[in-house]
Amino acid sequence: MRDITHDHLTRFEGACVEWPHICVLTEYCRKGSLRDILLNDEIQLDWMFRASLMNDLVKGMSFLHASAIHSHGNLKSSNCVVDSRFVLKITDYGLGSFRSLPSYEESERQCEKKLWTAPELLRCASLSPVGTQKGDVYSFGIILQEIALRKGTFYVGGIPLSCKEIVSKVRNGFRPYLRPMTDSAALTDDLCSLMQRCWHEDPNERPDFNQTKKIIEKFNKDNPGNLVENLLHRMEQYAINLEGLVEERTAAYMEEKRKADDLLYQMLPVPVVDRLKRGDAVPAEAFESVTILFSDIVGFTSLSASSNPMQIVNLLNDLYTCFDAIIDNYDVYKVETIGDAYMLVSGLPVRNGIRHAAEIARTALALLRAVSGFTIRHRPNDQLKLRIGIHTGNTTFSVKPSYKFVLSPCCAGVVGLKMPRYCLFGDTVNTASRMESSGMPLAIHVSEPTKILLERFQCFKLQLRGEVPLKGKGTVTTYWLLEDAT
């Protein structure tokens, strides 16, 4: 085996003969097996490339038959490999004593391995693993059709036959003999004739590889070239295929990246996502002036009790889909939804001066208008009642001595690793939640700090509600937001 060297045979490096680690080490060909290449539709092979593969195979088998090894015995497209220079090399030859005897099992998997086996060998009671030269020629004919048509092994057209049925028909030898299809417009008459001669039922009628070599060489008579030109053409063809694959995979990658970015932008604020993508840390940050909105559905508990889970899911999905479409028109960020609670903020993570109060106010009015025309699928005659509370945390303006709200900044940051969330903390969040819970159905409850900022815009109509007990704050003055007169 060490003395067998040829450009189209894989180089034998060595073997381990110690049981149970019996193995053979041969030259590695990085492009993989011929069968894998032929079955990969993404790899384009023109006729010059295919003819080169056929020529390589014939040269390798011609040398092998003239050597001391005499025959291959297991020739198939999966035992033909392609190296980095796109040269086909034959592997798994010789060392017959290392091979297990052919299996007589008739499973579909075992029969698939016998699609290249000559009929006279299929009929043998005891088959030698080294095979015969005429059997190799038959196997070569099957591979020729694989290369020419690229439609799999033993392609028989539209006839639905399993591997087991094909092997059985070939072994039995009933006329007409079952052979792969050759009447394709893509095949030349010479190539069809060569295939038919190679898989002739009578082994003596099959050509040897010296004859086959002369026939294959005729396929390249119009483009003879030299070895370097042939190799350059192969590399050019492969480079073209590779460029196409790179463009296709790049486009697919960019599309998946866009989808991933869109999902991240829905989970976290855009500036936060951009910083995380750059690998920057996102520390918690204090915001001196923000406005927060809380809303919930009045009577949601009783509504849930009288509805099934799927109806509640559909209700919340319809409602929040409507809300999400509305808030896209305003400079607000949806922090989270918990059950029927919907939380928005403006003024963070991108500061916007005092505009956050107006943005939240206009969003609240738009949500209230949307709810007035919202239909509950499973209870179309019921009016959905939304309750909204708004509070502004602001440490930048003066406060009356009797003012009872705590003027502390709102802190925000990313919490968690596996499912990160952008969370808000501080008295501003707690107060906004209490403004919502102490409000009224279909009304927007506004705290005094929010009212002070809204008055600066001179376009919002507010109504004094009066003194309202607020948990943790005592009695405070609050307002109703009625409309935007812009």
Protein backbone atom coordinates (compact mmCIF):
# COMPACT_ATOMS: atom_id res chain seq x y z
CA MET A 1 0.00 0.00 0.00
CA ARG A 2 2.84 2.43 0.79
CA ASP A 3 4.21 1.88 -2.71
CA ILE A 4 0.91 2.80 -4.38
CA THR A 5 1.18 6.49 -5.30
CA HIS A 6 -0.87 8.26 -7.94
CA ASP A 7 -2.36 11.72 -8.42
CA HIS A 8 -5.88 10.28 -8.33
CA LEU A 9 -5.53 7.86 -5.41
CA THR A 10 -5.51 8.99 -1.80
CA ARG A 11 -2.15 8.44 -0.17
CA PHE A 12 -1.99 5.62 2.39
CA GLU A 13 -0.35 6.85 5.62
CA GLY A 14 -0.67 3.89 7.95
CA ALA A 15 -2.96 1.58 9.88
CA CYS A 16 -3.68 0.38 13.39
CA VAL A 17 -4.14 -3.40 13.65
CA GLU A 18 -4.83 -3.71 17.37
CA TRP A 19 -8.34 -4.82 18.25
CA PRO A 20 -10.73 -3.08 18.81
CA HIS A 21 -9.04 0.04 17.40
CA ILE A 22 -8.55 -1.24 13.86
CA CYS A 23 -8.41 1.74 11.51
CA VAL A 24 -6.70 3.10 8.41
CA LEU A 25 -5.15 6.56 8.03
CA THR A 26 -5.17 8.09 4.54
CA GLU A 27 -4.67 11.46 2.92
CA TYR A 28 -7.29 14.08 3.85
CA CYS A 29 -9.25 15.75 1.04
CA ARG A 30 -10.95 18.85 2.38
CA LYS A 31 -13.71 19.28 -0.22
CA GLY A 32 -15.39 16.06 0.88
CA SER A 33 -16.84 13.17 -1.07
CA LEU A 34 -17.95 13.32 -4.68
CA ARG A 35 -21.43 12.22 -3.66
CA ASP A 36 -21.84 15.12 -1.22
CA ILE A 37 -20.71 17.58 -3.89
CA LEU A 38 -23.11 16.17 -6.49
CA LEU A 39 -26.05 16.28 -4.07
CA ASN A 40 -25.31 19.89 -3.06
CA ASP A 41 -27.46 22.01 -5.38
CA GLU A 42 -25.64 25.15 -4.26
CA ILE A 43 -22.46 24.00 -6.05
CA GLN A 44 -22.68 24.64 -9.79
CA LEU A 45 -20.71 22.26 -12.01
CA ASP A 46 -20.41 22.97 -15.73
CA TRP A 47 -19.72 20.18 -18.23
CA MET A 48 -16.00 20.90 -18.35
CA PHE A 49 -15.83 20.46 -14.58
CA ARG A 50 -17.86 17.24 -14.74
CA ALA A 51 -15.73 15.86 -17.57
CA SER A 52 -12.63 16.60 -15.49
CA LEU A 53 -14.07 14.61 -12.59
CA MET A 54 -14.84 11.69 -14.91
CA ASN A 55 -11.34 11.88 -16.35
CA ASP A 56 -9.76 11.89 -12.87
CA LEU A 57 -11.79 8.85 -11.89
CA VAL A 58 -10.83 6.91 -15.02
CA LYS A 59 -7.12 7.71 -14.58
CA GLY A 60 -7.18 6.56 -10.96
CA MET A 61 -9.01 3.31 -11.74
CA SER A 62 -6.81 2.59 -14.77
CA PHE A 63 -3.71 2.84 -12.58
CA LEU A 64 -5.32 0.79 -9.79
CA HIS A 65 -6.25 -2.06 -12.15
CA ALA A 66 -2.69 -2.15 -13.49
CA SER A 67 -1.21 -2.27 -9.98
CA ALA A 68 -0.74 -5.19 -7.61
CA ILE A 69 -4.05 -4.33 -5.93
CA HIS A 70 -5.78 -5.38 -9.18
CA SER A 71 -9.32 -4.14 -8.29
CA HIS A 72 -11.16 -1.83 -5.93
CA GLY A 73 -14.18 -3.88 -4.86
CA ASN A 74 -16.10 -1.04 -3.25
CA LEU A 75 -16.12 1.76 -5.82
CA LYS A 76 -18.88 4.31 -5.23
CA SER A 77 -19.26 8.09 -5.31
CA SER A 78 -18.89 8.28 -1.53
CA ASN A 79 -15.45 6.62 -1.90
CA CYS A 80 -14.31 9.30 -4.34
CA VAL A 81 -13.06 12.46 -2.63
CA VAL A 82 -12.04 15.92 -3.86
CA ASP A 83 -8.99 17.73 -2.54
CA SER A 84 -8.32 21.46 -2.15
CA ARG A 85 -7.17 21.68 -5.79
CA PHE A 86 -10.49 20.19 -6.95
CA VAL A 87 -8.79 16.98 -8.04
CA LEU A 88 -10.80 13.77 -7.62
CA LYS A 89 -9.06 10.97 -5.76
CA ILE A 90 -10.18 7.40 -5.11
CA THR A 91 -10.10 6.11 -1.55
CA ASP A 92 -10.96 2.91 0.35
CA TYR A 93 -8.96 0.73 -2.02
CA GLY A 94 -6.78 -2.25 -1.05
CA LEU A 95 -6.49 -3.78 2.42
CA GLY A 96 -9.19 -6.35 1.72
CA SER A 97 -8.38 -8.17 4.95
CA PHE A 98 -9.37 -5.04 6.89
CA ARG A 99 -12.84 -5.00 5.45
CA SER A 100 -15.76 -6.88 6.89
CA LEU A 101 -17.49 -9.30 4.57
CA PRO A 102 -20.38 -7.78 2.61
CA SER A 103 -23.62 -7.83 4.56
CA TYR A 104 -26.46 -9.96 3.25
CA GLU A 105 -28.96 -8.00 5.29
CA GLU A 106 -31.78 -6.69 3.10
CA SER A 107 -32.59 -3.49 5.03
CA GLU A 108 -33.09 -0.28 3.06
CA ARG A 109 -29.87 1.15 4.48
CA GLN A 110 -27.79 -1.88 3.48
CA CYS A 111 -29.38 -2.00 0.04
CA GLU A 112 -28.47 1.65 -0.52
CA LYS A 113 -24.80 0.67 -0.15
CA LYS A 114 -25.26 -1.98 -2.87
CA LEU A 115 -26.61 0.34 -5.59
CA TRP A 116 -23.12 0.39 -7.19
CA THR A 117 -22.64 -3.39 -7.00
CA ALA A 118 -22.65 -5.39 -10.25
CA PRO A 119 -25.47 -7.97 -10.69
CA GLU A 120 -23.09 -10.96 -10.89
CA LEU A 121 -21.56 -9.93 -7.56
CA LEU A 122 -24.98 -9.52 -5.95
CA ARG A 123 -25.73 -13.13 -6.89
CA CYS A 124 -22.53 -14.53 -5.34
CA ALA A 125 -23.06 -16.70 -2.28
CA SER A 126 -19.69 -15.65 -0.84
CA LEU A 127 -18.51 -12.28 -2.07
CA SER A 128 -14.86 -11.32 -1.76
CA PRO A 129 -14.27 -7.79 -0.39
CA VAL A 130 -11.68 -7.13 -3.13
CA GLY A 131 -14.30 -7.50 -5.89
CA THR A 132 -13.49 -7.81 -9.59
CA GLN A 133 -12.27 -5.49 -12.31
CA LYS A 134 -15.48 -5.93 -14.32
CA GLY A 135 -17.46 -5.19 -11.18
CA ASP A 136 -15.48 -1.95 -10.81
CA VAL A 137 -16.43 -0.98 -14.37
CA TYR A 138 -20.11 -1.49 -13.53
CA SER A 139 -19.71 0.72 -10.45
CA PHE A 140 -17.97 3.32 -12.59
CA GLY A 141 -20.98 3.38 -14.94
CA ILE A 142 -23.31 4.13 -12.01
CA ILE A 143 -21.02 6.98 -10.91
CA LEU A 144 -20.96 8.34 -14.48
CA GLN A 145 -24.72 8.79 -14.37
CA GLU A 146 -24.47 10.46 -10.95
CA ILE A 147 -21.97 12.99 -12.31
CA ALA A 148 -23.85 13.59 -15.57
CA LEU A 149 -27.37 14.06 -14.18
CA ARG A 150 -26.78 15.01 -10.52
CA LYS A 151 -30.08 13.39 -9.52
CA GLY A 152 -28.77 10.87 -7.05
CA THR A 153 -27.56 7.29 -7.27
CA PHE A 154 -29.24 4.91 -9.76
CA TYR A 155 -31.75 7.52 -10.98
CA VAL A 156 -34.56 5.74 -12.86
CA GLY A 157 -36.71 8.71 -13.77
CA GLY A 158 -40.17 8.98 -12.27
CA ILE A 159 -40.37 5.32 -11.25
CA PRO A 160 -40.93 5.17 -7.47
CA LEU A 161 -38.55 2.38 -6.45
CA SER A 162 -36.88 1.90 -3.08
CA CYS A 163 -33.21 0.89 -2.82
CA LYS A 164 -34.34 -2.56 -1.72
CA GLU A 165 -36.51 -2.97 -4.83
CA ILE A 166 -33.72 -1.76 -7.12
CA VAL A 167 -31.17 -4.20 -5.68
CA SER A 168 -33.66 -7.06 -5.90
CA LYS A 169 -34.46 -6.37 -9.57
CA VAL A 170 -30.76 -6.00 -10.50
CA ARG A 171 -29.87 -9.25 -8.69
CA ASN A 172 -32.72 -11.25 -10.26
CA GLY A 173 -31.74 -10.12 -13.76
CA PHE A 174 -35.21 -10.33 -15.28
CA ARG A 175 -35.57 -8.76 -18.69
CA PRO A 176 -35.73 -5.93 -19.37
CA TYR A 177 -32.77 -5.35 -17.08
CA LEU A 178 -33.24 -2.53 -14.60
CA ARG A 179 -30.60 0.14 -15.15
CA PRO A 180 -30.35 3.90 -14.47
CA MET A 181 -31.98 6.30 -16.93
CA THR A 182 -29.88 7.45 -19.91
CA ASP A 183 -32.41 9.05 -22.29
CA SER A 184 -31.81 12.56 -21.05
CA ALA A 185 -31.43 15.53 -23.38
CA ALA A 186 -28.49 16.59 -21.24
CA LEU A 187 -26.44 13.51 -22.20
CA THR A 188 -24.52 12.98 -25.41
CA ASP A 189 -24.92 9.78 -27.38
CA ASP A 190 -21.32 8.80 -26.67
CA LEU A 191 -21.78 9.23 -22.94
CA CYS A 192 -25.06 7.28 -22.93
CA SER A 193 -23.41 4.50 -24.91
CA LEU A 194 -20.46 4.36 -22.50
CA MET A 195 -22.77 4.10 -19.48
CA GLN A 196 -24.78 1.29 -21.06
CA ARG A 197 -21.62 -0.64 -21.93
CA CYS A 198 -20.25 -0.21 -18.40
CA TRP A 199 -23.34 -1.67 -16.73
CA HIS A 200 -23.90 -4.40 -19.35
CA GLU A 201 -25.39 -7.57 -17.87
CA ASP A 202 -22.57 -9.66 -19.34
CA PRO A 203 -19.31 -8.67 -17.59
CA ASN A 204 -17.29 -9.64 -20.67
CA GLU A 205 -19.10 -6.97 -22.70
CA ARG A 206 -17.99 -4.20 -20.39
CA PRO A 207 -14.98 -2.11 -21.49
CA ASP A 208 -11.83 -1.99 -19.42
CA PHE A 209 -10.55 1.30 -18.08
CA ASN A 210 -7.97 1.72 -20.83
CA GLN A 211 -10.81 1.72 -23.37
CA THR A 212 -12.93 3.92 -21.15
CA LYS A 213 -10.07 6.39 -20.78
CA LYS A 214 -9.93 6.95 -24.54
CA ILE A 215 -13.68 7.56 -24.71
CA ILE A 216 -13.64 10.04 -21.81
CA GLU A 217 -10.74 11.94 -23.38
CA LYS A 218 -12.97 12.62 -26.42
CA PHE A 219 -15.31 14.65 -24.21
CA ASN A 220 -12.50 17.19 -23.73
CA LYS A 221 -11.35 17.35 -27.33
CA ASP A 222 -12.92 20.80 -27.84
CA ASN A 223 -11.23 22.14 -24.71
CA PRO A 224 -8.05 20.13 -24.34
CA GLY A 225 -5.94 22.70 -22.44
CA ASN A 226 -3.09 21.74 -20.22
CA LEU A 227 -3.10 20.67 -16.60
CA VAL A 228 -2.65 24.22 -15.29
CA GLU A 229 -5.47 25.60 -17.45
CA ASN A 230 -7.76 22.80 -16.34
CA LEU A 231 -6.95 23.42 -12.70
CA LEU A 232 -7.45 27.18 -13.08
CA HIS A 233 -10.83 26.57 -14.67
CA ARG A 234 -11.87 24.33 -11.78
CA MET A 235 -10.76 26.95 -9.26
CA GLU A 236 -12.55 29.71 -11.17
CA GLN A 237 -15.74 27.67 -11.28
CA TYR A 238 -15.52 26.97 -7.57
CA ALA A 239 -14.76 30.63 -6.82
CA ILE A 240 -17.88 31.69 -8.72
CA ASN A 241 -19.94 29.19 -6.73
CA LEU A 242 -18.36 30.40 -3.52
CA GLU A 243 -19.09 34.05 -4.30
CA GLY A 244 -22.72 33.22 -4.94
CA LEU A 245 -22.94 31.25 -1.70
CA VAL A 246 -21.28 34.06 0.25
CA GLU A 247 -23.74 36.62 -1.13
CA GLU A 248 -26.69 34.35 -0.38
CA ARG A 249 -25.52 33.50 3.13
CA THR A 250 -24.65 37.15 3.83
CA ALA A 251 -28.14 38.23 2.79
CA ALA A 252 -29.66 35.51 5.00
CA TYR A 253 -27.40 36.55 7.88
CA MET A 254 -28.35 40.22 7.52
CA GLU A 255 -32.04 39.31 7.48
CA GLU A 256 -31.68 37.24 10.66
CA LYS A 257 -29.64 40.04 12.23
CA ARG A 258 -32.39 42.51 11.38
CA LYS A 259 -34.99 40.26 12.99
CA ALA A 260 -32.83 39.86 16.10
CA ASP A 261 -32.28 43.63 16.30
CA ASP A 262 -36.01 44.28 15.92
CA LEU A 263 -36.70 41.86 18.77
CA LEU A 264 -34.05 43.49 20.97
CA TYR A 265 -35.42 46.96 20.22
CA GLN A 266 -38.82 45.76 21.43
CA MET A 267 -37.33 44.44 24.67
CA LEU A 268 -34.96 47.31 25.46
CA PRO A 269 -34.60 50.98 24.48
CA VAL A 270 -32.69 51.61 21.26
CA PRO A 271 -29.77 53.49 22.92
CA VAL A 272 -29.38 50.69 25.46
CA VAL A 273 -29.35 48.00 22.75
CA ASP A 274 -26.79 49.95 20.73
CA ARG A 275 -24.49 50.19 23.76
CA LEU A 276 -24.86 46.48 24.53
CA LYS A 277 -24.07 45.58 20.90
CA ARG A 278 -20.89 47.63 21.12
CA GLY A 279 -19.95 45.68 24.24
CA ASP A 280 -20.28 48.71 26.51
CA ALA A 281 -21.59 48.40 30.05
CA VAL A 282 -25.00 49.91 30.77
CA PRO A 283 -24.87 51.19 34.36
CA ALA A 284 -28.00 52.34 36.17
CA GLU A 285 -28.70 56.02 35.57
CA ALA A 286 -30.65 58.68 37.47
CA PHE A 287 -33.05 60.90 35.52
CA GLU A 288 -34.06 64.18 37.17
CA SER A 289 -37.18 64.80 35.11
CA VAL A 290 -39.46 62.09 33.68
CA THR A 291 -43.17 61.42 33.41
CA ILE A 292 -44.66 57.96 33.98
CA LEU A 293 -48.07 56.60 32.96
CA PHE A 294 -49.86 53.60 34.42
CA SER A 295 -53.12 52.21 33.09
CA ASP A 296 -55.28 49.23 33.93
CA ILE A 297 -58.67 47.78 33.08
CA VAL A 298 -61.41 48.51 35.59
CA GLY A 299 -63.16 45.29 36.66
CA PHE A 300 -60.52 43.07 35.09
CA THR A 301 -60.72 40.55 37.94
CA SER A 302 -64.45 39.95 37.48
CA LEU A 303 -64.03 39.95 33.70
CA SER A 304 -61.35 37.25 34.01
CA ALA A 305 -63.54 35.18 36.31
CA SER A 306 -66.35 35.11 33.73
CA SER A 307 -64.07 34.41 30.73
CA ASN A 308 -61.88 31.49 29.76
CA PRO A 309 -58.08 31.93 29.59
CA MET A 310 -57.96 32.05 25.79
CA GLN A 311 -60.53 34.84 25.70
CA ILE A 312 -58.45 36.87 28.17
CA VAL A 313 -55.30 36.32 26.12
CA ASN A 314 -57.11 37.48 22.98
CA LEU A 315 -58.49 40.52 24.80
CA LEU A 316 -55.10 41.65 26.10
CA ASN A 317 -53.39 40.92 22.80
CA ASP A 318 -55.95 42.98 20.86
CA LEU A 319 -55.78 45.84 23.37
CA TYR A 320 -52.00 46.01 23.63
CA THR A 321 -51.56 45.67 19.87
CA CYS A 322 -53.80 48.72 19.55
CA PHE A 323 -51.85 50.58 22.26
CA ASP A 324 -48.47 49.67 20.74
CA ALA A 325 -49.53 51.13 17.40
CA ILE A 326 -50.55 54.38 19.12
CA ILE A 327 -47.40 54.93 21.17
CA ASP A 328 -45.24 54.69 18.03
CA ASN A 329 -46.46 58.22 17.28
CA TYR A 330 -45.09 59.70 20.51
CA ASP A 331 -41.75 60.05 22.28
CA VAL A 332 -42.57 57.43 24.90
CA TYR A 333 -41.14 54.05 25.86
CA LYS A 334 -43.21 51.05 26.93
CA VAL A 335 -41.56 49.74 30.08
CA GLU A 336 -43.69 46.65 30.60
CA THR A 337 -47.12 45.05 30.71
CA ILE A 338 -48.14 42.96 33.68
CA GLY A 339 -51.56 41.42 33.27
CA ASP A 340 -53.89 44.32 32.54
CA ALA A 341 -51.35 46.95 33.68
CA TYR A 342 -49.64 49.02 30.97
CA MET A 343 -46.64 51.20 31.90
CA LEU A 344 -45.14 53.99 29.80
CA VAL A 345 -42.41 56.56 30.43
CA SER A 346 -41.09 59.62 28.64
CA GLY A 347 -37.86 61.47 29.32
CA LEU A 348 -35.67 58.39 29.45
CA PRO A 349 -33.40 56.83 28.37
CA VAL A 350 -33.14 59.86 26.05
CA ARG A 351 -33.78 63.10 27.91
CA ASN A 352 -36.20 65.51 26.24
CA GLY A 353 -36.29 68.54 28.55
CA ILE A 354 -39.81 69.10 29.90
CA ARG A 355 -41.47 67.72 26.77
CA HIS A 356 -41.99 64.34 28.49
CA ALA A 357 -45.08 65.61 30.32
CA ALA A 358 -46.76 66.68 27.08
CA GLU A 359 -45.80 63.45 25.29
CA ILE A 360 -47.31 61.29 28.02
CA ALA A 361 -50.41 63.50 28.24
CA ARG A 362 -51.07 63.26 24.50
CA THR A 363 -50.45 59.52 24.58
CA ALA A 364 -52.95 59.11 27.46
CA LEU A 365 -55.63 61.03 25.56
CA ALA A 366 -55.01 58.88 22.46
CA LEU A 367 -55.29 55.67 24.50
CA LEU A 368 -58.56 56.84 26.02
CA ARG A 369 -59.98 57.64 22.58
CA ALA A 370 -58.93 54.20 21.31
CA VAL A 371 -60.62 52.44 24.23
CA SER A 372 -63.91 54.22 23.56
CA GLY A 373 -64.13 52.39 20.23
CA PHE A 374 -62.53 49.12 21.34
CA THR A 375 -64.60 45.94 21.02
CA ILE A 376 -64.13 42.93 23.28
CA ARG A 377 -64.39 39.90 20.99
CA HIS A 378 -66.27 37.61 23.34
CA ARG A 379 -68.34 40.42 24.92
CA PRO A 380 -68.99 42.91 22.12
CA ASN A 381 -71.74 44.73 24.03
CA ASP A 382 -69.53 45.60 27.01
CA GLN A 383 -67.56 48.84 27.19
CA LEU A 384 -63.93 48.38 28.17
CA LYS A 385 -63.11 50.89 30.91
CA LEU A 386 -59.54 52.11 31.18
CA ARG A 387 -58.15 53.93 34.20
CA ILE A 388 -55.01 56.06 33.73
CA GLY A 389 -52.69 57.71 36.22
CA ILE A 390 -49.81 60.08 35.44
CA HIS A 391 -47.05 61.48 37.62
CA THR A 392 -43.94 63.53 36.94
CA GLY A 393 -40.80 63.16 38.99
CA ASN A 394 -38.96 66.48 38.72
CA THR A 395 -36.17 67.90 40.87
CA THR A 396 -35.66 70.99 38.73
CA PHE A 397 -38.53 73.31 39.71
CA SER A 398 -39.46 75.01 42.98
CA VAL A 399 -42.19 73.51 45.15
CA LYS A 400 -44.71 75.09 47.50
CA PRO A 401 -44.12 74.48 51.22
CA SER A 402 -47.35 72.46 51.46
CA TYR A 403 -46.28 70.23 48.57
CA LYS A 404 -46.20 66.60 49.73
CA PHE A 405 -44.62 64.80 46.80
CA VAL A 406 -41.06 63.55 47.19
CA LEU A 407 -38.88 65.14 44.54
CA SER A 408 -36.36 62.38 43.90
CA PRO A 409 -34.85 61.24 40.62
CA CYS A 410 -36.09 58.17 38.77
CA CYS A 411 -33.42 55.49 38.31
CA ALA A 412 -33.36 53.14 35.32
CA GLY A 413 -31.12 50.27 34.26
CA VAL A 414 -30.88 46.83 32.70
CA VAL A 415 -31.61 44.00 35.14
CA GLY A 416 -30.76 40.34 34.45
CA LEU A 417 -28.68 38.48 31.86
CA LYS A 418 -30.72 35.60 30.42
CA MET A 419 -33.83 37.71 29.87
CA PRO A 420 -32.69 41.31 30.48
CA ARG A 421 -35.27 43.95 31.30
CA TYR A 422 -35.06 47.71 31.43
CA CYS A 423 -36.52 48.55 34.83
CA LEU A 424 -37.45 51.81 36.56
CA PHE A 425 -37.08 52.44 40.29
CA GLY A 426 -37.87 55.29 42.63
CA ASP A 427 -40.68 57.20 44.26
CA THR A 428 -41.80 58.49 40.85
CA VAL A 429 -42.78 54.94 39.83
CA ASN A 430 -44.65 54.25 43.08
CA THR A 431 -46.53 57.56 42.94
CA ALA A 432 -47.57 57.08 39.30
CA SER A 433 -48.94 53.65 40.19
CA ARG A 434 -50.96 55.12 43.07
CA MET A 435 -52.28 57.89 40.83
CA GLU A 436 -53.69 55.17 38.58
CA SER A 437 -55.19 53.07 41.39
CA SER A 438 -56.91 56.12 42.93
CA GLY A 439 -58.32 57.30 39.60
CA MET A 440 -61.70 56.78 37.94
CA PRO A 441 -62.83 54.73 34.92
CA LEU A 442 -62.32 56.39 31.54
CA ALA A 443 -60.44 59.27 33.17
CA ILE A 444 -56.83 60.48 33.29
CA HIS A 445 -55.67 61.21 36.84
CA VAL A 446 -52.80 63.72 36.95
CA SER A 447 -50.53 64.70 39.84
CA GLU A 448 -49.65 68.30 40.66
CA PRO A 449 -46.04 68.10 39.38
CA THR A 450 -47.40 66.94 36.01
CA LYS A 451 -50.01 69.70 36.03
CA ILE A 452 -47.31 72.33 36.69
CA LEU A 453 -45.34 71.21 33.62
CA LEU A 454 -48.42 70.88 31.39
CA GLU A 455 -49.42 74.47 32.16
CA ARG A 456 -46.21 75.63 30.50
CA PHE A 457 -47.46 74.30 27.16
CA GLN A 458 -50.71 76.35 27.43
CA CYS A 459 -52.65 73.82 25.37
CA PHE A 460 -53.89 71.24 27.86
CA LYS A 461 -57.22 71.56 29.60
CA LEU A 462 -57.17 70.27 33.18
CA GLN A 463 -59.81 70.19 35.90
CA LEU A 464 -59.17 70.28 39.63
CA ARG A 465 -60.22 67.07 41.30
CA GLY A 466 -59.39 68.25 44.79
CA GLU A 467 -57.79 66.69 47.80
CA VAL A 468 -57.27 62.96 47.41
CA PRO A 469 -55.79 60.55 49.98
CA LEU A 470 -52.78 58.85 48.43
CA LYS A 471 -51.16 55.89 50.13
CA GLY A 472 -47.86 56.93 51.67
CA LYS A 473 -48.43 60.60 50.78
CA GLY A 474 -51.37 61.64 52.86
CA THR A 475 -53.84 64.01 51.24
CA VAL A 476 -52.66 65.59 47.99
CA THR A 477 -54.15 67.84 45.33
CA THR A 478 -54.74 66.11 41.98
CA TYR A 479 -56.31 66.95 38.60
CA TRP A 480 -58.16 65.44 35.65
CA LEU A 481 -56.65 65.78 32.18
CA LEU A 482 -59.52 66.56 29.81
CA GLU A 483 -58.14 67.46 26.41
CA ASP A 484 -55.34 68.81 24.27
CA ALA A 485 -56.42 72.05 22.60
CA THR A 486 -53.54 72.06 20.12
